[in-house]
Amino acid sequence: MKIDFNKFDSLFKVMNYFSTDAVCKQTLAESRWSDGDVVCPYCGGHHCHLCKDDRYLCKECNHKFNVTVGTIFENTKVSLRKWFIAMYLISSHKKGIASHQLARDIDVTQKTAWFMLQKIRSLYGQTDETALEDEVECDEMYLGGREKNKHQSRKTEGTQGRSTKTKTPIFGLVQREGDLRAMMVTDTKGSTLMPIIKQFVKDNAHLFTDEHNGYNELHAEDSKYKHSIIRHKENQYSDGNGVTTNTIEGFWAHFKRSIFGIYHFVSVGYLQRYIDESVYRWNTRKATESSRFQEMFRMSEKVYTYKHVRMVA
């Protein structure tokens, strides 16, 4: 019988249902091979059959494998029960969950919880498969560089405004009533921002930005976009005719609350993963906890090892 993920609308129900690792393995198998056709992760062979040792045998390549092979759970020493609880917690909390808190919740070490969270965040990578269209807001933000909180002897000069000496620039695009994309960038010059806009936004879209010079190319006669500007330097945040960047500004506020309120500190090497996590939360903000939980099972077919974590450090 196919599992109904709609019933997982609370942590209690998740913990109550996934009472044993056997139930977890059965759920993972149903999620991966919903039509009953078990596919070999080694050669792609179909109709692999279950053996007495609880592993599958592929008739094509003669490999044996368990249900976790080819997923983020492969070779894990942590029980699937704890993995599923962690997946539910990170997908249901509005601002995320810190590794110290997760470690206490599922009874593992902080290092293990951190690694689990990094594996789960790896599922949130953004793509350009679906282009943004219609009305799209673009904006940049800078993370870090809180010079006012430093001792005078440790402050760095010339970090005001758009300086990247102690701050990391992030660029975001959001379709009104639609999806959002955000990513780290080396700077906010037009030569950096315009290729991103062209990659993620459909031609003839109406773009809304502030007066930053990085968007000057949008004014060119051969520009494929309609462009409207809101002038923040003149304390203008909406002109009453829909010219505003309040939607993307709202995402920045949510992202900052997540970073400063939950994680407190994020190194540049891992920052994009935290951005991806926040973008996923934003894009699924109208979804239910149970639907996000189900989506994570679908996305979990991705091999991810400790080596992959360290590669970004």
Protein backbone atom coordinates (compact mmCIF):
# COMPACT_ATOMS: atom_id res chain seq x y z
CA MET A 1 0.00 0.00 0.00
CA LYS A 2 1.41 3.38 -1.02
CA ILE A 3 2.16 5.69 1.90
CA ASP A 4 0.03 8.82 2.29
CA PHE A 5 2.39 11.69 3.14
CA ASN A 6 -0.54 14.03 3.82
CA LYS A 7 -0.88 12.56 7.29
CA PHE A 8 2.53 13.86 8.36
CA ASP A 9 1.38 17.30 9.50
CA SER A 10 3.13 17.22 12.89
CA LEU A 11 6.38 15.97 14.39
CA PHE A 12 4.45 13.67 16.71
CA LYS A 13 2.85 11.85 13.76
CA VAL A 14 6.22 11.49 12.03
CA MET A 15 7.83 9.98 15.12
CA ASN A 16 4.84 7.76 15.79
CA TYR A 17 4.75 6.32 12.27
CA PHE A 18 8.48 5.83 11.71
CA SER A 19 8.87 3.67 14.80
CA THR A 20 11.44 1.26 13.33
CA ASP A 21 14.13 1.33 10.65
CA ALA A 22 12.19 -1.38 8.80
CA VAL A 23 9.26 1.02 8.34
CA CYS A 24 11.70 3.71 7.21
CA LYS A 25 13.26 1.44 4.59
CA GLN A 26 9.84 0.43 3.29
CA THR A 27 8.82 4.09 2.99
CA LEU A 28 12.05 4.97 1.19
CA ALA A 29 11.52 2.07 -1.24
CA GLU A 30 7.93 3.17 -1.94
CA SER A 31 9.10 6.73 -2.51
CA ARG A 32 11.92 5.74 -4.88
CA TRP A 33 10.07 3.03 -6.81
CA SER A 34 6.40 3.94 -6.47
CA ASP A 35 5.42 1.69 -9.39
CA GLY A 36 7.11 -1.32 -7.82
CA ASP A 37 9.85 -1.44 -10.46
CA VAL A 38 13.11 -1.47 -8.46
CA VAL A 39 15.88 0.10 -10.56
CA CYS A 40 19.53 -0.81 -10.00
CA PRO A 41 21.61 2.25 -8.97
CA TYR A 42 24.70 0.71 -10.58
CA CYS A 43 23.61 -0.19 -14.11
CA GLY A 44 20.03 1.08 -14.35
CA GLY A 45 18.61 -2.42 -14.72
CA HIS A 46 14.91 -2.87 -13.95
CA HIS A 47 12.86 -5.35 -11.92
CA CYS A 48 15.49 -6.12 -9.28
CA HIS A 49 14.13 -8.52 -6.68
CA LEU A 50 14.35 -8.48 -2.89
CA CYS A 51 16.51 -11.16 -1.26
CA LYS A 52 16.27 -12.72 2.19
CA ASP A 53 19.07 -10.50 3.51
CA ASP A 54 16.88 -7.42 2.92
CA ARG A 55 18.94 -6.37 -0.10
CA TYR A 56 18.03 -6.25 -3.77
CA LEU A 57 19.71 -8.27 -6.52
CA CYS A 58 20.10 -6.91 -10.04
CA LYS A 59 19.84 -9.61 -12.71
CA GLU A 60 21.67 -7.42 -15.23
CA CYS A 61 24.94 -6.67 -13.39
CA ASN A 62 24.56 -9.13 -10.49
CA HIS A 63 25.11 -6.36 -7.94
CA LYS A 64 23.42 -6.48 -4.55
CA PHE A 65 22.29 -3.23 -2.96
CA ASN A 66 20.03 -1.92 -0.21
CA VAL A 67 17.41 0.78 -0.47
CA THR A 68 19.78 3.56 0.67
CA VAL A 69 22.32 3.10 -2.14
CA GLY A 70 22.22 6.07 -4.49
CA THR A 71 20.71 8.41 -1.88
CA ILE A 72 22.03 10.83 0.74
CA PHE A 73 21.54 8.00 3.29
CA GLU A 74 24.09 5.70 1.64
CA ASN A 75 26.65 4.27 4.12
CA THR A 76 25.16 6.30 6.98
CA LYS A 77 25.76 5.12 10.54
CA VAL A 78 22.79 7.17 11.76
CA SER A 79 19.43 5.39 11.86
CA LEU A 80 16.90 6.30 9.18
CA ARG A 81 14.46 7.23 11.96
CA LYS A 82 16.76 10.08 13.02
CA TRP A 83 17.31 11.07 9.39
CA PHE A 84 13.58 11.33 8.71
CA ILE A 85 12.99 13.37 11.88
CA ALA A 86 15.82 15.71 10.85
CA MET A 87 14.31 16.07 7.38
CA TYR A 88 10.93 16.98 8.85
CA LEU A 89 12.42 19.49 11.28
CA ILE A 90 14.51 21.33 8.70
CA SER A 91 11.63 21.42 6.20
CA SER A 92 8.99 22.59 8.68
CA HIS A 93 10.86 25.23 10.68
CA LYS A 94 10.35 28.63 9.08
CA LYS A 95 13.88 29.89 9.71
CA GLY A 96 15.77 26.59 9.85
CA ILE A 97 17.29 24.70 12.73
CA ALA A 98 20.80 24.98 14.16
CA SER A 99 23.07 21.94 14.39
CA HIS A 100 23.28 22.24 18.19
CA GLN A 101 19.49 22.18 18.46
CA LEU A 102 19.15 19.26 16.04
CA ALA A 103 21.83 17.34 17.95
CA ARG A 104 19.77 17.66 21.14
CA ASP A 105 16.50 16.81 19.37
CA ILE A 106 17.65 13.53 17.77
CA ASP A 107 20.41 12.57 20.25
CA VAL A 108 23.53 12.76 18.08
CA THR A 109 26.73 14.76 18.36
CA GLN A 110 26.82 18.33 17.06
CA LYS A 111 29.31 17.33 14.35
CA THR A 112 26.97 14.58 13.14
CA ALA A 113 23.99 16.95 13.16
CA TRP A 114 25.99 19.56 11.21
CA PHE A 115 26.96 17.01 8.57
CA MET A 116 23.35 15.78 8.29
CA LEU A 117 22.13 19.34 7.79
CA GLN A 118 24.75 19.95 5.10
CA LYS A 119 23.63 16.79 3.30
CA ILE A 120 20.00 17.88 3.45
CA ARG A 121 20.87 21.40 2.26
CA SER A 122 22.59 19.85 -0.74
CA LEU A 123 19.10 18.86 -1.97
CA TYR A 124 18.05 22.49 -2.36
CA GLY A 125 20.33 23.50 -5.24
CA GLN A 126 18.72 26.02 -7.60
CA THR A 127 18.35 25.58 -11.36
CA ASP A 128 17.35 27.74 -14.31
CA GLU A 129 14.92 25.15 -15.71
CA THR A 130 11.98 27.49 -15.09
CA ALA A 131 12.61 31.09 -16.16
CA LEU A 132 11.16 34.03 -14.27
CA GLU A 133 8.68 36.12 -16.26
CA ASP A 134 6.12 38.95 -16.15
CA GLU A 135 7.03 41.29 -13.25
CA VAL A 136 10.45 40.53 -11.75
CA GLU A 137 12.22 42.42 -8.96
CA CYS A 138 16.04 42.45 -8.74
CA ASP A 139 18.17 43.56 -5.82
CA GLU A 140 21.50 43.00 -4.09
CA MET A 141 22.44 42.67 -0.44
CA TYR A 142 25.69 42.39 1.47
CA LEU A 143 26.23 39.90 4.28
CA GLY A 144 28.81 40.44 6.99
CA GLY A 145 31.04 43.39 7.76
CA ARG A 146 29.37 44.49 10.99
CA GLU A 147 32.06 47.03 11.69
CA LYS A 148 30.07 48.88 14.36
CA ASN A 149 30.20 45.80 16.58
CA LYS A 150 33.99 45.54 16.41
CA HIS A 151 36.59 47.11 18.69
CA GLN A 152 38.08 50.25 17.17
CA SER A 153 41.44 48.52 16.70
CA ARG A 154 39.85 45.72 14.65
CA LYS A 155 37.72 47.83 12.33
CA THR A 156 38.51 47.86 8.60
CA GLU A 157 38.51 51.19 6.81
CA GLY A 158 36.54 51.78 3.61
CA THR A 159 33.85 49.16 4.18
CA GLN A 160 30.86 51.46 3.80
CA GLY A 161 28.24 51.03 1.08
CA ARG A 162 28.94 48.37 -1.54
CA SER A 163 32.48 47.53 -0.43
CA THR A 164 33.31 43.79 -0.47
CA LYS A 165 36.37 44.04 1.81
CA THR A 166 34.54 42.40 4.70
CA LYS A 167 31.15 41.67 3.10
CA THR A 168 29.84 39.08 0.66
CA PRO A 169 27.51 40.35 -2.10
CA ILE A 170 24.37 38.34 -2.88
CA PHE A 171 22.09 38.92 -5.86
CA GLY A 172 18.40 38.03 -5.91
CA LEU A 173 15.59 37.95 -8.46
CA VAL A 174 11.95 37.27 -7.66
CA GLN A 175 8.90 36.96 -9.87
CA ARG A 176 5.95 38.61 -8.17
CA GLU A 177 3.57 35.87 -7.03
CA GLY A 178 6.16 33.40 -8.31
CA ASP A 179 9.56 31.86 -7.63
CA LEU A 180 12.76 33.42 -6.41
CA ARG A 181 16.44 32.89 -7.24
CA ALA A 182 19.45 34.10 -5.23
CA MET A 183 23.16 33.48 -5.39
CA MET A 184 26.55 34.72 -4.19
CA VAL A 185 28.33 37.00 -6.66
CA THR A 186 31.86 38.35 -6.82
CA ASP A 187 30.61 41.93 -7.15
CA THR A 188 27.52 43.88 -8.24
CA LYS A 189 28.84 45.38 -11.44
CA GLY A 190 26.72 45.28 -14.57
CA SER A 191 29.13 42.81 -16.16
CA THR A 192 28.31 40.40 -13.33
CA LEU A 193 24.58 40.99 -12.88
CA MET A 194 23.41 41.17 -16.50
CA PRO A 195 24.44 37.60 -17.49
CA ILE A 196 22.54 36.33 -14.44
CA ILE A 197 19.44 38.30 -15.38
CA LYS A 198 19.58 36.99 -18.95
CA GLN A 199 20.01 33.42 -17.65
CA PHE A 200 17.09 33.45 -15.24
CA VAL A 201 14.60 35.95 -16.69
CA LYS A 202 12.58 35.60 -19.89
CA ASP A 203 12.78 38.24 -22.60
CA ASN A 204 10.15 41.01 -22.45
CA ALA A 205 9.76 40.70 -18.67
CA HIS A 206 9.19 43.90 -16.67
CA LEU A 207 12.11 44.41 -14.30
CA PHE A 208 11.97 46.52 -11.15
CA THR A 209 15.25 47.64 -9.54
CA ASP A 210 16.72 50.46 -7.51
CA GLU A 211 18.99 53.08 -9.08
CA HIS A 212 22.20 51.01 -8.79
CA ASN A 213 24.51 51.53 -11.79
CA GLY A 214 24.79 47.79 -12.30
CA TYR A 215 21.40 47.89 -14.01
CA ASN A 216 22.26 50.64 -16.51
CA GLU A 217 22.34 48.19 -19.43
CA LEU A 218 18.60 47.63 -18.96
CA HIS A 219 18.09 51.18 -20.30
CA ALA A 220 19.81 50.44 -23.60
CA GLU A 221 17.70 50.75 -26.74
CA ASP A 222 18.30 47.11 -27.63
CA SER A 223 17.35 45.87 -24.15
CA LYS A 224 14.89 42.97 -24.19
CA TYR A 225 13.35 44.08 -20.92
CA LYS A 226 11.07 46.82 -19.71
CA HIS A 227 12.72 48.55 -16.76
CA SER A 228 11.31 50.63 -13.90
CA ILE A 229 13.37 52.20 -11.12
CA ILE A 230 12.52 52.92 -7.52
CA ARG A 231 14.79 55.61 -6.06
CA HIS A 232 15.77 54.55 -2.57
CA LYS A 233 18.30 57.38 -2.20
CA GLU A 234 15.37 59.78 -2.36
CA ASN A 235 13.57 57.76 0.36
CA GLN A 236 11.18 56.36 -2.23
CA TYR A 237 10.01 52.79 -1.64
CA SER A 238 6.85 52.68 -3.77
CA ASP A 239 5.47 55.15 -6.29
CA GLY A 240 1.91 53.91 -5.94
CA ASN A 241 1.92 52.40 -9.44
CA GLY A 242 3.57 49.11 -8.63
CA VAL A 243 7.16 50.32 -8.97
CA THR A 244 8.81 48.80 -5.90
CA THR A 245 11.31 46.15 -4.81
CA ASN A 246 9.48 45.34 -1.58
CA THR A 247 9.06 41.65 -2.44
CA ILE A 248 12.77 40.92 -2.77
CA GLU A 249 13.46 43.18 0.22
CA GLY A 250 11.05 41.00 2.20
CA PHE A 251 13.08 37.93 1.29
CA TRP A 252 16.32 39.62 2.39
CA ALA A 253 14.74 40.39 5.76
CA HIS A 254 13.68 36.76 6.17
CA PHE A 255 17.13 35.52 5.10
CA LYS A 256 18.90 37.80 7.58
CA ARG A 257 16.66 36.66 10.43
CA SER A 258 17.56 33.08 9.56
CA ILE A 259 21.31 33.73 9.45
CA PHE A 260 21.61 36.02 12.47
CA GLY A 261 18.81 34.53 14.57
CA ILE A 262 19.34 30.79 14.02
CA TYR A 263 22.83 30.15 12.65
CA HIS A 264 24.58 33.30 14.01
CA PHE A 265 27.59 32.79 11.75
CA VAL A 266 28.05 31.24 8.31
CA SER A 267 31.41 30.96 6.56
CA VAL A 268 31.65 32.05 2.93
CA GLY A 269 32.53 28.50 1.85
CA TYR A 270 29.09 27.23 2.92
CA LEU A 271 27.03 30.38 2.39
CA GLN A 272 25.45 29.35 -0.93
CA ARG A 273 23.90 26.31 0.72
CA TYR A 274 22.22 28.50 3.32
CA ILE A 275 21.00 30.77 0.54
CA ASP A 276 19.60 27.73 -1.31
CA GLU A 277 17.82 26.65 1.87
CA SER A 278 16.19 30.05 2.34
CA VAL A 279 15.21 30.22 -1.33
CA TYR A 280 13.57 26.78 -1.04
CA ARG A 281 11.61 27.93 2.02
CA TRP A 282 10.45 31.03 0.16
CA ASN A 283 9.43 29.15 -2.98
CA THR A 284 7.48 26.59 -0.93
CA ARG A 285 6.05 29.04 1.62
CA LYS A 286 2.50 28.17 0.59
CA ALA A 287 3.09 24.42 0.71
CA THR A 288 2.16 22.28 3.70
CA GLU A 289 4.70 20.63 6.01
CA SER A 290 3.64 17.22 4.71
CA SER A 291 4.13 18.16 1.05
CA ARG A 292 7.61 19.56 1.72
CA PHE A 293 8.45 16.40 3.66
CA GLN A 294 7.36 14.27 0.70
CA GLU A 295 9.37 16.45 -1.70
CA MET A 296 12.51 15.81 0.32
CA PHE A 297 12.13 12.07 -0.23
CA ARG A 298 11.92 12.69 -3.95
CA MET A 299 15.04 14.85 -3.90
CA SER A 300 17.05 12.50 -1.66
CA GLU A 301 18.32 10.40 -4.59
CA LYS A 302 21.72 12.04 -4.59
CA VAL A 303 24.99 10.52 -3.41
CA TYR A 304 26.68 12.91 -1.02
CA THR A 305 29.71 12.07 1.10
CA TYR A 306 31.90 13.82 3.65
CA LYS A 307 34.36 14.59 0.85
CA HIS A 308 31.68 16.67 -0.89
CA VAL A 309 31.13 18.70 2.28
CA ARG A 310 34.79 19.56 2.65
CA MET A 311 35.17 20.50 -1.02
CA VAL A 312 33.52 23.88 -0.41
CA ALA A 313 35.48 24.76 2.71
